[in-house]
């Protein structure tokens, strides 16, 4: 694959959409813990890395960011962890939705994601449906999306970048199986879409003042002899201290560049020794 030798991919979507399984499918390894239950076992943001076709890919799973069950105090450390894990910025946001009737909870998850996304961030977004086996045999994912104005509008805002997988039934298709319903084929097409998207974005990842500052602070910690993981933990703790009193809404905006009021936090992070 051409383009950047390293990608950071952030998975967004409601609990139960299959984000952890999707992360495993993208990486080709069972890195993330998965559950068949509608309620997630954990709301902890996690990052896992693997080499896929010669490219280093880090996937950041964010089970709590669109949760209807977590309180603001529970969400805050996970949003901060997402900021530290994807700094200095993600190459792609993958919005994970499930095939099926769009419920009020599904619609709220989409609304939450759209509130977090500015127009600039949507240039880095792809819509990915899971549970593709629930599609009618004669229906494509594009036809499914076109039946719902909300989904159609979302996909259009994401540059019409749209894919579908099934983390259970399309894992090992039999010989002669329709390639449209093969995870190996669909993941390859998803990665090709991301590669094309990164190219269209000048080979750059999404970033903003907050993400740049966090990335710079992590690099400074590593110069002191810390591993990258130790540096990220140090910055994560420091950010939590600096963000006492900051609302979850402001944190969501800080992640995606929608809030200017975090400038003092950025200055404090870069100015102080950690």
C-alpha atoms as a PDB file:
ATOM      1  CA  UNK A   1       0.000   0.000   0.000  1.00  0.00           C
ATOM      2  CA  UNK A   2       1.305   3.455  -0.858  1.00  0.00           C
ATOM      3  CA  UNK A   3       1.197   6.493   1.404  1.00  0.00           C
ATOM      4  CA  UNK A   4       2.083   6.915   5.051  1.00  0.00           C
ATOM      5  CA  UNK A   5       3.880   3.953   6.658  1.00  0.00           C
ATOM      6  CA  UNK A   6       1.884   4.390   9.874  1.00  0.00           C
ATOM      7  CA  UNK A   7      -1.805   5.027  10.540  1.00  0.00           C
ATOM      8  CA  UNK A   8      -3.830   5.889  13.628  1.00  0.00           C
ATOM      9  CA  UNK A   9      -7.496   4.919  13.275  1.00  0.00           C
ATOM     10  CA  UNK A  10     -10.158   5.964  15.816  1.00  0.00           C
ATOM     11  CA  UNK A  11     -13.325   3.838  16.036  1.00  0.00           C
ATOM     12  CA  UNK A  12     -16.484   5.737  17.024  1.00  0.00           C
ATOM     13  CA  UNK A  13     -20.001   4.436  17.617  1.00  0.00           C
ATOM     14  CA  UNK A  14     -22.460   3.251  20.241  1.00  0.00           C
ATOM     15  CA  UNK A  15     -21.939   0.320  22.584  1.00  0.00           C
ATOM     16  CA  UNK A  16     -22.873  -2.947  20.861  1.00  0.00           C
ATOM     17  CA  UNK A  17     -22.097  -1.746  17.343  1.00  0.00           C
ATOM     18  CA  UNK A  18     -19.142  -4.120  17.136  1.00  0.00           C
ATOM     19  CA  UNK A  19     -16.242  -1.659  17.418  1.00  0.00           C
ATOM     20  CA  UNK A  20     -13.922  -4.042  19.306  1.00  0.00           C
ATOM     21  CA  UNK A  21     -14.573  -6.881  16.853  1.00  0.00           C
ATOM     22  CA  UNK A  22     -14.018  -4.427  14.014  1.00  0.00           C
ATOM     23  CA  UNK A  23     -10.669  -3.425  15.507  1.00  0.00           C
ATOM     24  CA  UNK A  24      -9.662  -7.094  15.606  1.00  0.00           C
ATOM     25  CA  UNK A  25     -10.792  -7.584  12.005  1.00  0.00           C
ATOM     26  CA  UNK A  26      -8.799  -4.574  10.803  1.00  0.00           C
ATOM     27  CA  UNK A  27      -5.656  -5.682  12.644  1.00  0.00           C
ATOM     28  CA  UNK A  28      -6.080  -9.342  11.699  1.00  0.00           C
ATOM     29  CA  UNK A  29      -5.549 -10.357  15.342  1.00  0.00           C
ATOM     30  CA  UNK A  30      -7.705 -10.745  18.454  1.00  0.00           C
ATOM     31  CA  UNK A  31      -6.264  -7.754  20.277  1.00  0.00           C
ATOM     32  CA  UNK A  32      -9.435  -6.244  21.757  1.00  0.00           C
ATOM     33  CA  UNK A  33     -11.723  -7.996  24.213  1.00  0.00           C
ATOM     34  CA  UNK A  34     -15.168  -8.576  22.704  1.00  0.00           C
ATOM     35  CA  UNK A  35     -18.553  -9.480  24.136  1.00  0.00           C
ATOM     36  CA  UNK A  36     -21.803 -10.731  22.622  1.00  0.00           C
ATOM     37  CA  UNK A  37     -23.790  -8.767  25.203  1.00  0.00           C
ATOM     38  CA  UNK A  38     -25.472  -5.473  24.314  1.00  0.00           C
ATOM     39  CA  UNK A  39     -23.873  -3.811  27.340  1.00  0.00           C
ATOM     40  CA  UNK A  40     -20.130  -3.426  27.059  1.00  0.00           C
ATOM     41  CA  UNK A  41     -17.959  -5.064  29.714  1.00  0.00           C
ATOM     42  CA  UNK A  42     -15.839  -1.932  29.882  1.00  0.00           C
ATOM     43  CA  UNK A  43     -15.924   1.718  28.918  1.00  0.00           C
ATOM     44  CA  UNK A  44     -12.149   2.021  28.796  1.00  0.00           C
ATOM     45  CA  UNK A  45     -10.512   3.535  25.730  1.00  0.00           C
ATOM     46  CA  UNK A  46      -7.887   1.140  24.372  1.00  0.00           C
ATOM     47  CA  UNK A  47      -5.259   1.252  21.630  1.00  0.00           C
ATOM     48  CA  UNK A  48      -3.750  -1.771  19.883  1.00  0.00           C
ATOM     49  CA  UNK A  49      -1.145  -1.943  17.116  1.00  0.00           C
ATOM     50  CA  UNK A  50      -0.271  -4.470  14.413  1.00  0.00           C
ATOM     51  CA  UNK A  51       1.474  -4.516  11.051  1.00  0.00           C
ATOM     52  CA  UNK A  52      -0.956  -5.049   8.180  1.00  0.00           C
ATOM     53  CA  UNK A  53       0.470  -5.535   4.668  1.00  0.00           C
ATOM     54  CA  UNK A  54       3.693  -3.832   5.713  1.00  0.00           C
ATOM     55  CA  UNK A  55       2.010  -0.839   7.359  1.00  0.00           C
ATOM     56  CA  UNK A  56       1.917  -0.166  11.103  1.00  0.00           C
ATOM     57  CA  UNK A  57      -1.685   0.450  12.129  1.00  0.00           C
ATOM     58  CA  UNK A  58      -2.835   1.587  15.570  1.00  0.00           C
ATOM     59  CA  UNK A  59      -6.558   1.247  16.229  1.00  0.00           C
ATOM     60  CA  UNK A  60      -8.083   3.252  19.092  1.00  0.00           C
ATOM     61  CA  UNK A  61     -11.320   1.710  20.389  1.00  0.00           C
ATOM     62  CA  UNK A  62     -13.575   4.186  22.211  1.00  0.00           C
ATOM     63  CA  UNK A  63     -16.399   2.162  23.815  1.00  0.00           C
ATOM     64  CA  UNK A  64     -17.474   4.917  26.191  1.00  0.00           C
ATOM     65  CA  UNK A  65     -17.475   8.048  24.040  1.00  0.00           C
ATOM     66  CA  UNK A  66     -21.009   7.557  22.700  1.00  0.00           C
ATOM     67  CA  UNK A  67     -22.315   5.672  25.740  1.00  0.00           C
ATOM     68  CA  UNK A  68     -25.716   6.479  27.201  1.00  0.00           C
ATOM     69  CA  UNK A  69     -24.736   4.786  30.476  1.00  0.00           C
ATOM     70  CA  UNK A  70     -21.528   6.591  31.504  1.00  0.00           C
ATOM     71  CA  UNK A  71     -21.577   9.712  33.668  1.00  0.00           C
ATOM     72  CA  UNK A  72     -19.537  12.786  32.753  1.00  0.00           C
ATOM     73  CA  UNK A  73     -16.967  11.882  35.415  1.00  0.00           C
ATOM     74  CA  UNK A  74     -16.628   8.390  33.935  1.00  0.00           C
ATOM     75  CA  UNK A  75     -16.354   9.741  30.400  1.00  0.00           C
ATOM     76  CA  UNK A  76     -13.763  12.418  31.118  1.00  0.00           C
ATOM     77  CA  UNK A  77     -10.714  10.121  31.647  1.00  0.00           C
ATOM     78  CA  UNK A  78     -11.671   8.099  28.559  1.00  0.00           C
ATOM     79  CA  UNK A  79     -11.883  11.188  26.330  1.00  0.00           C
ATOM     80  CA  UNK A  80      -8.510  12.320  27.701  1.00  0.00           C
ATOM     81  CA  UNK A  81      -7.085   8.859  27.010  1.00  0.00           C
ATOM     82  CA  UNK A  82      -8.407   9.015  23.454  1.00  0.00           C
ATOM     83  CA  UNK A  83      -6.628  12.362  23.022  1.00  0.00           C
ATOM     84  CA  UNK A  84      -3.321  10.934  24.257  1.00  0.00           C
ATOM     85  CA  UNK A  85      -3.619   7.682  22.289  1.00  0.00           C
ATOM     86  CA  UNK A  86      -4.385   9.316  18.928  1.00  0.00           C
ATOM     87  CA  UNK A  87      -2.028  12.308  19.259  1.00  0.00           C
ATOM     88  CA  UNK A  88      -0.620  14.065  17.328  1.00  0.00           C
ATOM     89  CA  UNK A  89      -3.776  13.175  15.392  1.00  0.00           C
ATOM     90  CA  UNK A  90      -5.674  10.319  13.731  1.00  0.00           C
ATOM     91  CA  UNK A  91      -5.435   9.517  10.025  1.00  0.00           C
ATOM     92  CA  UNK A  92      -9.014   8.248  10.017  1.00  0.00           C
ATOM     93  CA  UNK A  93     -12.186   8.328  12.070  1.00  0.00           C
ATOM     94  CA  UNK A  94     -14.242   5.195  11.378  1.00  0.00           C
ATOM     95  CA  UNK A  95     -17.894   5.651  12.363  1.00  0.00           C
ATOM     96  CA  UNK A  96     -19.152   2.166  13.202  1.00  0.00           C
ATOM     97  CA  UNK A  97     -22.898   1.495  12.845  1.00  0.00           C
ATOM     98  CA  UNK A  98     -24.818  -1.780  12.728  1.00  0.00           C
ATOM     99  CA  UNK A  99     -27.044  -2.950   9.882  1.00  0.00           C
ATOM    100  CA  UNK A 100     -30.667  -3.096  10.969  1.00  0.00           C
ATOM    101  CA  UNK A 101     -33.517  -0.810  11.936  1.00  0.00           C
ATOM    102  CA  UNK A 102     -32.169   2.509  13.154  1.00  0.00           C
ATOM    103  CA  UNK A 103     -33.391   2.905  16.741  1.00  0.00           C
ATOM    104  CA  UNK A 104     -33.515   6.038  18.864  1.00  0.00           C
ATOM    105  CA  UNK A 105     -30.239   4.912  20.489  1.00  0.00           C
ATOM    106  CA  UNK A 106     -28.596   4.499  17.078  1.00  0.00           C
ATOM    107  CA  UNK A 107     -29.820   7.934  16.052  1.00  0.00           C
ATOM    108  CA  UNK A 108     -28.518   9.481  19.285  1.00  0.00           C
ATOM    109  CA  UNK A 109     -25.115   7.910  18.679  1.00  0.00           C
ATOM    110  CA  UNK A 110     -25.017   9.464  15.206  1.00  0.00           C
ATOM    111  CA  UNK A 111     -26.111  12.832  16.654  1.00  0.00           C
ATOM    112  CA  UNK A 112     -23.362  12.634  19.307  1.00  0.00           C
ATOM    113  CA  UNK A 113     -20.754  11.886  16.653  1.00  0.00           C
ATOM    114  CA  UNK A 114     -21.951  14.741  14.451  1.00  0.00           C
ATOM    115  CA  UNK A 115     -21.792  17.130  17.427  1.00  0.00           C
ATOM    116  CA  UNK A 116     -18.162  16.134  17.891  1.00  0.00           C
ATOM    117  CA  UNK A 117     -17.276  16.460  14.204  1.00  0.00           C
ATOM    118  CA  UNK A 118     -16.476  19.722  12.494  1.00  0.00           C
ATOM    119  CA  UNK A 119     -16.434  19.997   8.707  1.00  0.00           C
ATOM    120  CA  UNK A 120     -12.654  19.630   8.659  1.00  0.00           C
ATOM    121  CA  UNK A 121     -12.756  16.369  10.635  1.00  0.00           C
ATOM    122  CA  UNK A 122     -15.313  14.853   8.249  1.00  0.00           C
ATOM    123  CA  UNK A 123     -12.613  14.901   5.572  1.00  0.00           C
ATOM    124  CA  UNK A 124     -11.000  12.130   7.625  1.00  0.00           C
ATOM    125  CA  UNK A 125     -14.143  10.059   8.281  1.00  0.00           C
ATOM    126  CA  UNK A 126     -15.393   6.745   6.882  1.00  0.00           C
ATOM    127  CA  UNK A 127     -18.747   5.082   7.663  1.00  0.00           C
ATOM    128  CA  UNK A 128     -18.472   1.344   8.337  1.00  0.00           C
ATOM    129  CA  UNK A 129     -21.480  -0.914   8.934  1.00  0.00           C
ATOM    130  CA  UNK A 130     -21.190  -4.146  10.904  1.00  0.00           C
ATOM    131  CA  UNK A 131     -23.557  -7.140  11.038  1.00  0.00           C
ATOM    132  CA  UNK A 132     -23.570  -7.197   7.236  1.00  0.00           C
ATOM    133  CA  UNK A 133     -25.110 -10.677   7.303  1.00  0.00           C
ATOM    134  CA  UNK A 134     -28.397  -8.968   8.214  1.00  0.00           C
ATOM    135  CA  UNK A 135     -28.558  -7.347   4.793  1.00  0.00           C
ATOM    136  CA  UNK A 136     -31.136  -8.886   2.466  1.00  0.00           C
ATOM    137  CA  UNK A 137     -29.469 -11.159  -0.081  1.00  0.00           C
ATOM    138  CA  UNK A 138     -30.321  -8.825  -2.958  1.00  0.00           C
ATOM    139  CA  UNK A 139     -29.459  -5.563  -1.140  1.00  0.00           C
ATOM    140  CA  UNK A 140     -26.181  -3.657  -1.175  1.00  0.00           C
ATOM    141  CA  UNK A 141     -25.056  -1.487   1.719  1.00  0.00           C
ATOM    142  CA  UNK A 142     -25.482   1.569  -0.498  1.00  0.00           C
ATOM    143  CA  UNK A 143     -29.123   0.664  -1.122  1.00  0.00           C
ATOM    144  CA  UNK A 144     -29.617   0.127   2.617  1.00  0.00           C
ATOM    145  CA  UNK A 145     -28.219   3.579   3.400  1.00  0.00           C
ATOM    146  CA  UNK A 146     -30.269   5.277   0.674  1.00  0.00           C
ATOM    147  CA  UNK A 147     -33.482   4.121   2.392  1.00  0.00           C
ATOM    148  CA  UNK A 148     -32.816   6.413   5.378  1.00  0.00           C
ATOM    149  CA  UNK A 149     -32.290  10.133   4.911  1.00  0.00           C
ATOM    150  CA  UNK A 150     -30.241  10.448   8.118  1.00  0.00           C
ATOM    151  CA  UNK A 151     -27.801   7.734   7.066  1.00  0.00           C
ATOM    152  CA  UNK A 152     -27.630   9.015   3.502  1.00  0.00           C
ATOM    153  CA  UNK A 153     -26.817  12.514   4.772  1.00  0.00           C
ATOM    154  CA  UNK A 154     -24.120  11.180   7.131  1.00  0.00           C
ATOM    155  CA  UNK A 155     -22.414   9.181   4.383  1.00  0.00           C
ATOM    156  CA  UNK A 156     -22.505  12.168   2.032  1.00  0.00           C
ATOM    157  CA  UNK A 157     -20.881  14.356   4.707  1.00  0.00           C
ATOM    158  CA  UNK A 158     -18.126  11.724   4.963  1.00  0.00           C
ATOM    159  CA  UNK A 159     -17.288  12.011   1.263  1.00  0.00           C
ATOM    160  CA  UNK A 160     -19.515   9.007   0.372  1.00  0.00           C
ATOM    161  CA  UNK A 161     -16.939   6.698   1.966  1.00  0.00           C
ATOM    162  CA  UNK A 162     -18.979   3.640   2.919  1.00  0.00           C
ATOM    163  CA  UNK A 163     -18.182  -0.017   3.684  1.00  0.00           C
ATOM    164  CA  UNK A 164     -19.747  -3.052   5.358  1.00  0.00           C
ATOM    165  CA  UNK A 165     -18.325  -6.085   7.164  1.00  0.00           C
ATOM    166  CA  UNK A 166     -19.630  -8.929   9.308  1.00  0.00           C
ATOM    167  CA  UNK A 167     -17.255  -9.828  12.110  1.00  0.00           C
ATOM    168  CA  UNK A 168     -18.852 -13.247  12.632  1.00  0.00           C
ATOM    169  CA  UNK A 169     -20.361 -14.718   9.466  1.00  0.00           C
ATOM    170  CA  UNK A 170     -18.003 -13.292   6.826  1.00  0.00           C
ATOM    171  CA  UNK A 171     -14.783 -14.351   8.527  1.00  0.00           C
ATOM    172  CA  UNK A 172     -14.137 -17.540   6.537  1.00  0.00           C
ATOM    173  CA  UNK A 173     -16.268 -17.569   3.381  1.00  0.00           C
ATOM    174  CA  UNK A 174     -16.403 -20.874   1.529  1.00  0.00           C
ATOM    175  CA  UNK A 175     -14.742 -21.252  -1.846  1.00  0.00           C
ATOM    176  CA  UNK A 176     -16.690 -19.422  -4.511  1.00  0.00           C
ATOM    177  CA  UNK A 177     -18.450 -17.283  -1.883  1.00  0.00           C
ATOM    178  CA  UNK A 178     -19.607 -13.889  -3.117  1.00  0.00           C
ATOM    179  CA  UNK A 179     -16.643 -11.563  -2.559  1.00  0.00           C
ATOM    180  CA  UNK A 180     -19.025  -8.785  -1.562  1.00  0.00           C
ATOM    181  CA  UNK A 181     -19.655 -10.789   1.635  1.00  0.00           C
ATOM    182  CA  UNK A 182     -16.049 -11.562   2.500  1.00  0.00           C
ATOM    183  CA  UNK A 183     -14.347  -9.706   5.336  1.00  0.00           C
ATOM    184  CA  UNK A 184     -10.941 -10.148   3.716  1.00  0.00           C
ATOM    185  CA  UNK A 185     -12.187  -8.334   0.616  1.00  0.00           C
ATOM    186  CA  UNK A 186     -14.120  -5.677   2.538  1.00  0.00           C
ATOM    187  CA  UNK A 187     -11.251  -4.838   4.914  1.00  0.00           C
ATOM    188  CA  UNK A 188      -8.880  -4.562   1.971  1.00  0.00           C
ATOM    189  CA  UNK A 189     -11.310  -2.127   0.332  1.00  0.00           C
ATOM    190  CA  UNK A 190     -11.699  -0.190   3.617  1.00  0.00           C
ATOM    191  CA  UNK A 191      -7.911   0.203   3.928  1.00  0.00           C
ATOM    192  CA  UNK A 192      -7.710   1.251   0.280  1.00  0.00           C
ATOM    193  CA  UNK A 193     -10.377   3.888   0.969  1.00  0.00           C
ATOM    194  CA  UNK A 194      -8.410   5.184   3.967  1.00  0.00           C
ATOM    195  CA  UNK A 195      -5.239   5.225   1.870  1.00  0.00           C
ATOM    196  CA  UNK A 196      -6.986   7.261  -0.823  1.00  0.00           C
ATOM    197  CA  UNK A 197      -8.466   9.571   1.815  1.00  0.00           C
ATOM    198  CA  UNK A 198      -5.034  10.164   3.393  1.00  0.00           C
ATOM    199  CA  UNK A 199      -3.628  10.923  -0.059  1.00  0.00           C
ATOM    200  CA  UNK A 200      -6.444  13.401  -0.742  1.00  0.00           C
ATOM    201  CA  UNK A 201      -5.619  15.039   2.600  1.00  0.00           C
ATOM    202  CA  UNK A 202      -2.034  15.590   1.483  1.00  0.00           C
ATOM    203  CA  UNK A 203      -0.717  12.569   3.370  1.00  0.00           C
ATOM    204  CA  UNK A 204      -1.470  14.322   6.664  1.00  0.00           C
ATOM    205  CA  UNK A 205      -3.391  13.195   9.717  1.00  0.00           C
ATOM    206  CA  UNK A 206      -6.141  15.223  11.331  1.00  0.00           C
ATOM    207  CA  UNK A 207      -4.797  17.508  14.040  1.00  0.00           C
ATOM    208  CA  UNK A 208      -5.494  20.628  16.064  1.00  0.00           C
ATOM    209  CA  UNK A 209      -3.770  22.710  18.732  1.00  0.00           C
ATOM    210  CA  UNK A 210      -4.683  20.307  21.543  1.00  0.00           C
ATOM    211  CA  UNK A 211      -3.491  17.168  19.724  1.00  0.00           C
ATOM    212  CA  UNK A 212      -0.268  18.848  18.617  1.00  0.00           C
ATOM    213  CA  UNK A 213       0.485  19.967  22.161  1.00  0.00           C
ATOM    214  CA  UNK A 214      -0.150  16.482  23.555  1.00  0.00           C
ATOM    215  CA  UNK A 215       2.040  14.916  20.866  1.00  0.00           C
ATOM    216  CA  UNK A 216       4.840  17.377  21.623  1.00  0.00           C
ATOM    217  CA  UNK A 217       4.550  16.713  25.373  1.00  0.00           C
ATOM    218  CA  UNK A 218       4.766  12.942  24.804  1.00  0.00           C
ATOM    219  CA  UNK A 219       7.916  13.402  22.702  1.00  0.00           C
ATOM    220  CA  UNK A 220       9.482  15.521  25.453  1.00  0.00           C
ATOM    221  CA  UNK A 221       8.769  12.803  28.016  1.00  0.00           C
ATOM    222  CA  UNK A 222      10.383  10.200  25.774  1.00  0.00           C
ATOM    223  CA  UNK A 223      13.527  12.332  25.579  1.00  0.00           C
ATOM    224  CA  UNK A 224      13.806  11.848  29.349  1.00  0.00           C
ATOM    225  CA  UNK A 225      14.185   8.107  28.810  1.00  0.00           C
ATOM    226  CA  UNK A 226      10.577   7.010  29.179  1.00  0.00           C
ATOM    227  CA  UNK A 227       9.009   4.508  26.799  1.00  0.00           C
ATOM    228  CA  UNK A 228       6.180   5.796  24.648  1.00  0.00           C
ATOM    229  CA  UNK A 229       3.635   4.003  26.838  1.00  0.00           C
ATOM    230  CA  UNK A 230       5.135   5.505  30.006  1.00  0.00           C
ATOM    231  CA  UNK A 231       5.143   8.952  28.386  1.00  0.00           C
ATOM    232  CA  UNK A 232       1.482   8.644  27.376  1.00  0.00           C
ATOM    233  CA  UNK A 233       0.514   7.600  30.903  1.00  0.00           C
ATOM    234  CA  UNK A 234       2.369  10.587  32.347  1.00  0.00           C
ATOM    235  CA  UNK A 235       0.666  13.023  29.973  1.00  0.00           C
ATOM    236  CA  UNK A 236      -2.727  11.385  30.562  1.00  0.00           C
ATOM    237  CA  UNK A 237      -2.428  11.970  34.317  1.00  0.00           C
ATOM    238  CA  UNK A 238      -1.227  15.541  33.806  1.00  0.00           C
ATOM    239  CA  UNK A 239      -4.081  16.340  31.448  1.00  0.00           C
ATOM    240  CA  UNK A 240      -6.648  15.008  33.914  1.00  0.00           C
ATOM    241  CA  UNK A 241      -5.252  17.337  36.573  1.00  0.00           C
ATOM    242  CA  UNK A 242      -5.299  20.303  34.204  1.00  0.00           C
ATOM    243  CA  UNK A 243      -8.853  19.555  33.048  1.00  0.00           C
ATOM    244  CA  UNK A 244     -10.480  19.558  36.488  1.00  0.00           C
ATOM    245  CA  UNK A 245     -13.708  21.502  36.111  1.00  0.00           C
ATOM    246  CA  UNK A 246     -13.773  21.228  32.327  1.00  0.00           C
ATOM    247  CA  UNK A 247     -17.062  19.859  30.961  1.00  0.00           C
ATOM    248  CA  UNK A 248     -17.266  16.707  28.869  1.00  0.00           C
ATOM    249  CA  UNK A 249     -18.771  18.804  26.069  1.00  0.00           C
ATOM    250  CA  UNK A 250     -15.677  21.005  26.008  1.00  0.00           C
ATOM    251  CA  UNK A 251     -13.441  17.922  26.002  1.00  0.00           C
ATOM    252  CA  UNK A 252     -15.260  16.429  23.028  1.00  0.00           C
ATOM    253  CA  UNK A 253     -14.811  19.725  21.240  1.00  0.00           C
ATOM    254  CA  UNK A 254     -11.155  19.923  22.221  1.00  0.00           C
ATOM    255  CA  UNK A 255     -10.542  16.527  20.657  1.00  0.00           C
ATOM    256  CA  UNK A 256     -11.940  17.617  17.318  1.00  0.00           C
ATOM    257  CA  UNK A 257     -11.031  21.303  17.313  1.00  0.00           C
ATOM    258  CA  UNK A 258     -14.479  22.778  18.005  1.00  0.00           C
ATOM    259  CA  UNK A 259     -13.689  24.611  21.251  1.00  0.00           C
ATOM    260  CA  UNK A 260     -11.241  27.500  21.525  1.00  0.00           C
ATOM    261  CA  UNK A 261     -11.545  27.774  25.307  1.00  0.00           C
ATOM    262  CA  UNK A 262      -8.962  25.028  25.893  1.00  0.00           C
ATOM    263  CA  UNK A 263      -6.087  27.275  24.795  1.00  0.00           C
ATOM    264  CA  UNK A 264      -4.984  27.818  28.399  1.00  0.00           C
ATOM    265  CA  UNK A 265      -4.813  24.048  28.880  1.00  0.00           C
ATOM    266  CA  UNK A 266      -2.615  23.692  25.827  1.00  0.00           C
ATOM    267  CA  UNK A 267      -0.293  26.434  27.084  1.00  0.00           C
ATOM    268  CA  UNK A 268      -0.128  24.851  30.540  1.00  0.00           C
ATOM    269  CA  UNK A 269       0.657  21.426  29.115  1.00  0.00           C
ATOM    270  CA  UNK A 270       3.503  22.654  26.956  1.00  0.00           C
ATOM    271  CA  UNK A 271       4.922  25.108  29.493  1.00  0.00           C
ATOM    272  CA  UNK A 272       5.125  22.911  32.571  1.00  0.00           C
ATOM    273  CA  UNK A 273       7.583  20.149  33.338  1.00  0.00           C
ATOM    274  CA  UNK A 274       5.805  16.851  33.812  1.00  0.00           C
END
